[in-house]
Amino acid sequence: MRKGPQFRLLFFCFLVALPAAAQDTPSQKLDRQFQSAVAQYNAGRFAEAAAQLEKLLPQAPQSFEVHELLGLVYAAESQDSKALEHLEMAVRLKPDSSAARTNLAANLSRAGKLELAAKQLQKALALEPRNFDANHNFGILPLTTTATT
């Protein structure tokens, strides 16, 4: 088989691109670590997801996504005080997120803070009136209130 100039050029491009592809930027590395934590969460491996996210947190302390997912992970593990801390931070970082406010409201409701939960759901619905989760949670909130009083 004859190796012409096209093959040499292609091979050269591959050799030049190989070191660049092997060296992730810090942003790419963080994204890959975050995606790994998402996969752990989706697989129900909450402790592993929490460990990965806690390692990411010092490198991305103002990351809405890290705080929101960490809050969801801790909520899934019934670590409500830790969940509340991260879900509140997610809302502070992205106050226009209806989903984040709905997640925070669910955590507040579980903690028995029903008035605060209702306020977060109202804000979520003001942002996104057709948000199914916010509407559903708001609809069952009075039932929860009467059941606990």
N, C-alpha and C. Protein backbone atom coordinates (compact mmCIF):
# COMPACT_ATOMS: atom_id res chain seq x y z
N MET A 1 0.85 -1.17 0.00
CA MET A 1 0.00 0.00 0.00
C MET A 1 0.89 1.24 0.00
N ARG A 2 0.62 2.12 -0.89
CA ARG A 2 1.41 3.34 -1.03
C ARG A 2 0.88 4.42 -0.11
N LYS A 3 1.79 5.03 0.65
CA LYS A 3 1.39 6.09 1.57
C LYS A 3 1.74 7.41 0.94
N GLY A 4 0.71 8.09 0.50
CA GLY A 4 0.90 9.36 -0.19
C GLY A 4 0.88 10.53 0.76
N PRO A 5 0.89 11.75 0.21
CA PRO A 5 0.92 12.95 1.02
C PRO A 5 -0.33 13.12 1.88
N GLN A 6 -1.46 12.60 1.40
CA GLN A 6 -2.69 12.74 2.19
C GLN A 6 -2.58 11.96 3.50
N PHE A 7 -2.02 10.74 3.42
CA PHE A 7 -1.87 9.94 4.62
C PHE A 7 -0.91 10.62 5.60
N ARG A 8 0.20 11.15 5.09
CA ARG A 8 1.18 11.81 5.95
C ARG A 8 0.56 13.03 6.63
N LEU A 9 -0.23 13.79 5.89
CA LEU A 9 -0.87 14.97 6.46
C LEU A 9 -1.87 14.57 7.54
N LEU A 10 -2.65 13.55 7.27
CA LEU A 10 -3.62 13.07 8.24
C LEU A 10 -2.92 12.55 9.48
N PHE A 11 -1.85 11.79 9.30
CA PHE A 11 -1.10 11.25 10.41
C PHE A 11 -0.48 12.38 11.23
N PHE A 12 0.04 13.40 10.57
CA PHE A 12 0.63 14.55 11.23
C PHE A 12 -0.43 15.29 12.05
N CYS A 13 -1.58 15.50 11.47
CA CYS A 13 -2.67 16.18 12.18
C CYS A 13 -3.07 15.39 13.43
N PHE A 14 -3.08 14.06 13.29
CA PHE A 14 -3.42 13.21 14.43
C PHE A 14 -2.37 13.36 15.53
N LEU A 15 -1.10 13.36 15.16
CA LEU A 15 -0.03 13.49 16.14
C LEU A 15 -0.05 14.86 16.82
N VAL A 16 -0.36 15.90 16.08
CA VAL A 16 -0.42 17.24 16.64
C VAL A 16 -1.63 17.37 17.57
N ALA A 17 -2.74 16.80 17.18
CA ALA A 17 -3.96 16.92 17.95
C ALA A 17 -3.97 16.02 19.19
N LEU A 18 -3.22 14.94 19.17
CA LEU A 18 -3.23 13.98 20.26
C LEU A 18 -2.84 14.60 21.61
N PRO A 19 -1.72 15.33 21.71
CA PRO A 19 -1.39 15.92 23.01
C PRO A 19 -2.43 16.96 23.45
N ALA A 20 -2.96 17.71 22.53
CA ALA A 20 -3.96 18.72 22.87
C ALA A 20 -5.23 18.06 23.41
N ALA A 21 -5.63 16.94 22.80
CA ALA A 21 -6.84 16.25 23.25
C ALA A 21 -6.62 15.59 24.60
N ALA A 22 -5.39 15.16 24.88
CA ALA A 22 -5.11 14.48 26.13
C ALA A 22 -5.06 15.45 27.31
N GLN A 23 -4.84 16.73 27.05
CA GLN A 23 -4.75 17.71 28.12
C GLN A 23 -6.07 18.47 28.23
N ASP A 24 -6.85 18.09 29.22
CA ASP A 24 -8.12 18.78 29.46
C ASP A 24 -7.84 20.16 30.05
N THR A 25 -8.69 21.08 29.72
CA THR A 25 -8.64 22.37 30.39
C THR A 25 -9.25 22.15 31.78
N PRO A 26 -8.98 23.04 32.72
CA PRO A 26 -9.60 22.88 34.04
C PRO A 26 -11.13 22.83 33.96
N SER A 27 -11.70 23.61 33.07
CA SER A 27 -13.15 23.62 32.90
C SER A 27 -13.66 22.27 32.41
N GLN A 28 -12.94 21.67 31.47
CA GLN A 28 -13.35 20.37 30.94
C GLN A 28 -13.25 19.29 32.01
N LYS A 29 -12.20 19.38 32.83
CA LYS A 29 -12.01 18.40 33.90
C LYS A 29 -13.15 18.51 34.92
N LEU A 30 -13.50 19.75 35.30
CA LEU A 30 -14.61 19.95 36.23
C LEU A 30 -15.92 19.43 35.65
N ASP A 31 -16.14 19.70 34.38
CA ASP A 31 -17.37 19.23 33.73
C ASP A 31 -17.43 17.71 33.72
N ARG A 32 -16.30 17.08 33.43
CA ARG A 32 -16.26 15.61 33.40
C ARG A 32 -16.54 15.06 34.80
N GLN A 33 -15.98 15.68 35.83
CA GLN A 33 -16.22 15.24 37.21
C GLN A 33 -17.69 15.44 37.59
N PHE A 34 -18.26 16.57 37.17
CA PHE A 34 -19.67 16.83 37.46
C PHE A 34 -20.56 15.81 36.76
N GLN A 35 -20.27 15.51 35.50
CA GLN A 35 -21.07 14.54 34.77
C GLN A 35 -20.98 13.15 35.40
N SER A 36 -19.83 12.83 35.96
CA SER A 36 -19.67 11.57 36.68
C SER A 36 -20.56 11.54 37.92
N ALA A 37 -20.63 12.67 38.64
CA ALA A 37 -21.50 12.76 39.81
C ALA A 37 -22.97 12.64 39.40
N VAL A 38 -23.34 13.24 38.28
CA VAL A 38 -24.71 13.11 37.77
C VAL A 38 -25.02 11.65 37.49
N ALA A 39 -24.09 10.94 36.87
CA ALA A 39 -24.30 9.52 36.57
C ALA A 39 -24.46 8.71 37.86
N GLN A 40 -23.65 9.04 38.88
CA GLN A 40 -23.77 8.35 40.17
C GLN A 40 -25.15 8.62 40.79
N TYR A 41 -25.59 9.87 40.72
CA TYR A 41 -26.90 10.23 41.26
C TYR A 41 -28.01 9.49 40.52
N ASN A 42 -27.94 9.50 39.21
CA ASN A 42 -28.97 8.83 38.41
C ASN A 42 -29.01 7.33 38.65
N ALA A 43 -27.86 6.75 39.03
CA ALA A 43 -27.79 5.31 39.31
C ALA A 43 -28.18 4.99 40.75
N GLY A 44 -28.51 6.02 41.53
CA GLY A 44 -28.91 5.79 42.91
C GLY A 44 -27.75 5.62 43.87
N ARG A 45 -26.56 5.92 43.41
CA ARG A 45 -25.37 5.83 44.26
C ARG A 45 -25.11 7.22 44.87
N PHE A 46 -25.93 7.55 45.85
CA PHE A 46 -25.93 8.91 46.39
C PHE A 46 -24.68 9.24 47.19
N ALA A 47 -24.17 8.29 47.95
CA ALA A 47 -22.96 8.55 48.73
C ALA A 47 -21.77 8.87 47.81
N GLU A 48 -21.67 8.12 46.71
CA GLU A 48 -20.59 8.36 45.76
C GLU A 48 -20.76 9.72 45.08
N ALA A 49 -22.00 10.05 44.72
CA ALA A 49 -22.27 11.34 44.09
C ALA A 49 -21.93 12.47 45.05
N ALA A 50 -22.32 12.32 46.32
CA ALA A 50 -22.03 13.36 47.31
C ALA A 50 -20.52 13.55 47.47
N ALA A 51 -19.79 12.45 47.53
CA ALA A 51 -18.33 12.54 47.68
C ALA A 51 -17.71 13.28 46.49
N GLN A 52 -18.14 12.96 45.29
CA GLN A 52 -17.60 13.63 44.10
C GLN A 52 -17.95 15.12 44.11
N LEU A 53 -19.18 15.43 44.46
CA LEU A 53 -19.61 16.83 44.47
C LEU A 53 -18.92 17.63 45.57
N GLU A 54 -18.70 17.02 46.71
CA GLU A 54 -17.99 17.70 47.79
C GLU A 54 -16.55 18.01 47.38
N LYS A 55 -15.94 17.13 46.58
CA LYS A 55 -14.59 17.39 46.06
C LYS A 55 -14.61 18.54 45.05
N LEU A 56 -15.68 18.64 44.30
CA LEU A 56 -15.81 19.70 43.29
C LEU A 56 -16.08 21.07 43.90
N LEU A 57 -16.77 21.08 45.03
CA LEU A 57 -17.24 22.33 45.61
C LEU A 57 -16.14 23.37 45.85
N PRO A 58 -14.98 23.02 46.38
CA PRO A 58 -13.94 24.04 46.57
C PRO A 58 -13.45 24.65 45.26
N GLN A 59 -13.53 23.89 44.18
CA GLN A 59 -13.09 24.38 42.87
C GLN A 59 -14.17 25.18 42.16
N ALA A 60 -15.42 24.98 42.58
CA ALA A 60 -16.54 25.68 41.94
C ALA A 60 -17.55 26.11 43.00
N PRO A 61 -17.13 26.97 43.95
CA PRO A 61 -18.03 27.31 45.07
C PRO A 61 -19.26 28.11 44.66
N GLN A 62 -19.24 28.71 43.50
CA GLN A 62 -20.38 29.50 43.04
C GLN A 62 -21.14 28.80 41.91
N SER A 63 -21.01 27.49 41.84
CA SER A 63 -21.69 26.74 40.79
C SER A 63 -23.11 26.38 41.21
N PHE A 64 -24.06 26.94 40.50
CA PHE A 64 -25.47 26.62 40.73
C PHE A 64 -25.70 25.12 40.61
N GLU A 65 -25.16 24.53 39.54
CA GLU A 65 -25.40 23.12 39.26
C GLU A 65 -24.86 22.21 40.36
N VAL A 66 -23.67 22.52 40.86
CA VAL A 66 -23.08 21.69 41.92
C VAL A 66 -23.92 21.79 43.18
N HIS A 67 -24.30 22.99 43.57
CA HIS A 67 -25.11 23.15 44.78
C HIS A 67 -26.49 22.50 44.63
N GLU A 68 -27.11 22.68 43.48
CA GLU A 68 -28.44 22.08 43.31
C GLU A 68 -28.37 20.56 43.38
N LEU A 69 -27.42 19.97 42.65
CA LEU A 69 -27.33 18.51 42.66
C LEU A 69 -26.92 18.00 44.04
N LEU A 70 -26.03 18.70 44.70
CA LEU A 70 -25.63 18.27 46.04
C LEU A 70 -26.83 18.33 47.00
N GLY A 71 -27.66 19.36 46.85
CA GLY A 71 -28.88 19.43 47.64
C GLY A 71 -29.81 18.26 47.37
N LEU A 72 -29.95 17.91 46.11
CA LEU A 72 -30.81 16.77 45.75
C LEU A 72 -30.25 15.46 46.27
N VAL A 73 -28.92 15.32 46.21
CA VAL A 73 -28.27 14.11 46.72
C VAL A 73 -28.52 13.96 48.22
N TYR A 74 -28.29 15.05 48.95
CA TYR A 74 -28.51 14.99 50.39
C TYR A 74 -29.99 14.78 50.73
N ALA A 75 -30.88 15.35 49.95
CA ALA A 75 -32.31 15.11 50.17
C ALA A 75 -32.64 13.64 49.96
N ALA A 76 -32.05 13.04 48.94
CA ALA A 76 -32.29 11.62 48.67
C ALA A 76 -31.76 10.74 49.80
N GLU A 77 -30.75 11.23 50.50
CA GLU A 77 -30.19 10.49 51.63
C GLU A 77 -30.84 10.89 52.96
N SER A 78 -31.90 11.71 52.90
CA SER A 78 -32.61 12.21 54.08
C SER A 78 -31.71 13.00 55.01
N GLN A 79 -30.72 13.66 54.45
CA GLN A 79 -29.86 14.57 55.21
C GLN A 79 -30.38 15.98 54.96
N ASP A 80 -31.53 16.25 55.56
CA ASP A 80 -32.28 17.46 55.22
C ASP A 80 -31.56 18.77 55.54
N SER A 81 -30.80 18.83 56.62
CA SER A 81 -30.12 20.09 56.92
C SER A 81 -29.04 20.40 55.89
N LYS A 82 -28.30 19.37 55.47
CA LYS A 82 -27.30 19.57 54.42
C LYS A 82 -27.98 19.90 53.09
N ALA A 83 -29.08 19.22 52.82
CA ALA A 83 -29.82 19.49 51.58
C ALA A 83 -30.30 20.93 51.56
N LEU A 84 -30.85 21.38 52.68
CA LEU A 84 -31.37 22.74 52.77
C LEU A 84 -30.28 23.77 52.49
N GLU A 85 -29.11 23.55 53.06
CA GLU A 85 -27.98 24.48 52.86
C GLU A 85 -27.66 24.65 51.37
N HIS A 86 -27.59 23.54 50.65
CA HIS A 86 -27.20 23.61 49.24
C HIS A 86 -28.35 24.05 48.34
N LEU A 87 -29.57 23.66 48.68
CA LEU A 87 -30.71 24.11 47.87
C LEU A 87 -30.94 25.61 48.04
N GLU A 88 -30.74 26.12 49.25
CA GLU A 88 -30.84 27.57 49.46
C GLU A 88 -29.77 28.31 48.66
N MET A 89 -28.55 27.76 48.66
CA MET A 89 -27.47 28.39 47.90
C MET A 89 -27.78 28.35 46.40
N ALA A 90 -28.35 27.27 45.93
CA ALA A 90 -28.71 27.18 44.51
C ALA A 90 -29.71 28.28 44.15
N VAL A 91 -30.68 28.52 45.01
CA VAL A 91 -31.68 29.57 44.75
C VAL A 91 -31.02 30.95 44.80
N ARG A 92 -30.09 31.14 45.74
CA ARG A 92 -29.38 32.44 45.79
C ARG A 92 -28.57 32.67 44.52
N LEU A 93 -27.96 31.59 44.01
CA LEU A 93 -27.13 31.71 42.81
C LEU A 93 -27.96 31.90 41.54
N LYS A 94 -29.16 31.32 41.53
CA LYS A 94 -30.01 31.41 40.35
C LYS A 94 -31.47 31.59 40.79
N PRO A 95 -31.80 32.80 41.22
CA PRO A 95 -33.15 33.04 41.77
C PRO A 95 -34.27 32.89 40.75
N ASP A 96 -33.94 32.88 39.47
CA ASP A 96 -34.98 32.74 38.45
C ASP A 96 -35.21 31.28 38.03
N SER A 97 -34.68 30.34 38.81
CA SER A 97 -34.88 28.92 38.50
C SER A 97 -36.11 28.40 39.25
N SER A 98 -37.14 28.15 38.49
CA SER A 98 -38.36 27.59 39.06
C SER A 98 -38.09 26.20 39.65
N ALA A 99 -37.29 25.41 38.98
CA ALA A 99 -36.98 24.06 39.46
C ALA A 99 -36.23 24.11 40.79
N ALA A 100 -35.27 25.02 40.90
CA ALA A 100 -34.51 25.13 42.15
C ALA A 100 -35.42 25.54 43.30
N ARG A 101 -36.32 26.46 43.04
CA ARG A 101 -37.26 26.89 44.09
C ARG A 101 -38.22 25.75 44.46
N THR A 102 -38.62 24.96 43.49
CA THR A 102 -39.49 23.82 43.75
C THR A 102 -38.76 22.78 44.60
N ASN A 103 -37.50 22.53 44.27
CA ASN A 103 -36.71 21.58 45.06
C ASN A 103 -36.53 22.08 46.49
N LEU A 104 -36.25 23.36 46.63
CA LEU A 104 -36.11 23.95 47.96
C LEU A 104 -37.42 23.82 48.74
N ALA A 105 -38.52 24.09 48.08
CA ALA A 105 -39.84 23.99 48.74
C ALA A 105 -40.11 22.56 49.20
N ALA A 106 -39.75 21.58 48.40
CA ALA A 106 -39.96 20.19 48.81
C ALA A 106 -39.16 19.87 50.06
N ASN A 107 -37.93 20.38 50.12
CA ASN A 107 -37.10 20.15 51.30
C ASN A 107 -37.67 20.87 52.52
N LEU A 108 -38.12 22.10 52.33
CA LEU A 108 -38.72 22.86 53.43
C LEU A 108 -39.98 22.17 53.94
N SER A 109 -40.76 21.64 53.03
CA SER A 109 -41.99 20.93 53.40
C SER A 109 -41.66 19.70 54.24
N ARG A 110 -40.66 18.95 53.82
CA ARG A 110 -40.24 17.76 54.58
C ARG A 110 -39.77 18.13 55.98
N ALA A 111 -39.19 19.32 56.10
CA ALA A 111 -38.69 19.78 57.39
C ALA A 111 -39.80 20.41 58.23
N GLY A 112 -41.02 20.45 57.69
CA GLY A 112 -42.15 21.01 58.43
C GLY A 112 -42.26 22.52 58.35
N LYS A 113 -41.48 23.14 57.49
CA LYS A 113 -41.51 24.60 57.32
C LYS A 113 -42.47 24.92 56.17
N LEU A 114 -43.75 24.71 56.43
CA LEU A 114 -44.75 24.75 55.38
C LEU A 114 -45.00 26.14 54.82
N GLU A 115 -44.95 27.16 55.66
CA GLU A 115 -45.16 28.53 55.16
C GLU A 115 -44.03 28.94 54.24
N LEU A 116 -42.80 28.61 54.62
CA LEU A 116 -41.66 28.92 53.75
C LEU A 116 -41.74 28.12 52.45
N ALA A 117 -42.18 26.87 52.55
CA ALA A 117 -42.33 26.04 51.36
C ALA A 117 -43.37 26.66 50.42
N ALA A 118 -44.49 27.11 50.98
CA ALA A 118 -45.54 27.72 50.16
C ALA A 118 -45.01 28.97 49.45
N LYS A 119 -44.23 29.78 50.16
CA LYS A 119 -43.67 30.99 49.54
C LYS A 119 -42.75 30.64 48.37
N GLN A 120 -41.92 29.61 48.54
CA GLN A 120 -41.02 29.21 47.46
C GLN A 120 -41.82 28.67 46.26
N LEU A 121 -42.88 27.93 46.54
CA LEU A 121 -43.71 27.41 45.45
C LEU A 121 -44.42 28.55 44.72
N GLN A 122 -44.88 29.55 45.45
CA GLN A 122 -45.52 30.70 44.81
C GLN A 122 -44.52 31.43 43.90
N LYS A 123 -43.30 31.58 44.37
CA LYS A 123 -42.27 32.22 43.54
C LYS A 123 -41.94 31.35 42.32
N ALA A 124 -41.89 30.05 42.52
CA ALA A 124 -41.63 29.14 41.39
C ALA A 124 -42.74 29.25 40.35
N LEU A 125 -43.97 29.31 40.81
CA LEU A 125 -45.10 29.40 39.88
C LEU A 125 -45.17 30.76 39.21
N ALA A 126 -44.73 31.81 39.88
CA ALA A 126 -44.68 33.13 39.25
C ALA A 126 -43.66 33.12 38.11
N LEU A 127 -42.59 32.36 38.30
CA LEU A 127 -41.56 32.25 37.26
C LEU A 127 -42.00 31.35 36.11
N GLU A 128 -42.68 30.27 36.45
CA GLU A 128 -43.06 29.27 35.46
C GLU A 128 -44.43 28.69 35.84
N PRO A 129 -45.50 29.36 35.42
CA PRO A 129 -46.85 28.95 35.84
C PRO A 129 -47.24 27.52 35.48
N ARG A 130 -46.64 26.95 34.46
CA ARG A 130 -47.02 25.59 34.05
C ARG A 130 -46.07 24.52 34.58
N ASN A 131 -45.23 24.88 35.52
CA ASN A 131 -44.30 23.91 36.11
C ASN A 131 -45.11 22.84 36.84
N PHE A 132 -45.06 21.63 36.32
CA PHE A 132 -45.87 20.55 36.87
C PHE A 132 -45.54 20.28 38.34
N ASP A 133 -44.25 20.16 38.66
CA ASP A 133 -43.86 19.82 40.02
C ASP A 133 -44.29 20.90 41.01
N ALA A 134 -44.10 22.16 40.64
CA ALA A 134 -44.50 23.26 41.53
C ALA A 134 -46.01 23.26 41.74
N ASN A 135 -46.77 23.08 40.66
CA ASN A 135 -48.23 23.02 40.78
C ASN A 135 -48.67 21.84 41.63
N HIS A 136 -48.08 20.68 41.40
CA HIS A 136 -48.43 19.49 42.15
C HIS A 136 -48.13 19.69 43.64
N ASN A 137 -46.89 20.14 43.93
CA ASN A 137 -46.50 20.32 45.32
C ASN A 137 -47.34 21.40 46.01
N PHE A 138 -47.65 22.45 45.28
CA PHE A 138 -48.49 23.50 45.86
C PHE A 138 -49.90 22.97 46.12
N GLY A 139 -50.37 22.12 45.22
CA GLY A 139 -51.70 21.54 45.38
C GLY A 139 -51.82 20.61 46.57
N ILE A 140 -50.76 19.89 46.90
CA ILE A 140 -50.84 18.97 48.05
C ILE A 140 -50.37 19.62 49.35
N LEU A 141 -49.80 20.81 49.27
CA LEU A 141 -49.31 21.47 50.48
C LEU A 141 -50.40 21.69 51.51
N PRO A 142 -51.60 22.17 51.14
CA PRO A 142 -52.65 22.31 52.17
C PRO A 142 -53.02 20.99 52.83
N LEU A 143 -52.97 19.89 52.06
CA LEU A 143 -53.26 18.57 52.64
C LEU A 143 -52.19 18.23 53.68
N THR A 144 -50.96 18.56 53.36
CA THR A 144 -49.88 18.30 54.29
C THR A 144 -50.06 19.16 55.54
N THR A 145 -50.47 20.41 55.35
CA THR A 145 -50.66 21.33 56.48
C THR A 145 -51.75 20.81 57.41
N THR A 146 -52.89 20.39 56.85
CA THR A 146 -53.99 19.92 57.69
C THR A 146 -53.67 18.58 58.32
N ALA A 147 -52.86 17.77 57.67
CA ALA A 147 -52.52 16.47 58.22
C ALA A 147 -51.58 16.59 59.42
N THR A 148 -50.82 17.67 59.49
CA THR A 148 -49.85 17.80 60.59
C THR A 148 -50.38 18.65 61.73
N THR A 149 -51.54 19.29 61.56
CA THR A 149 -52.06 20.14 62.64
C THR A 149 -53.15 19.46 63.42
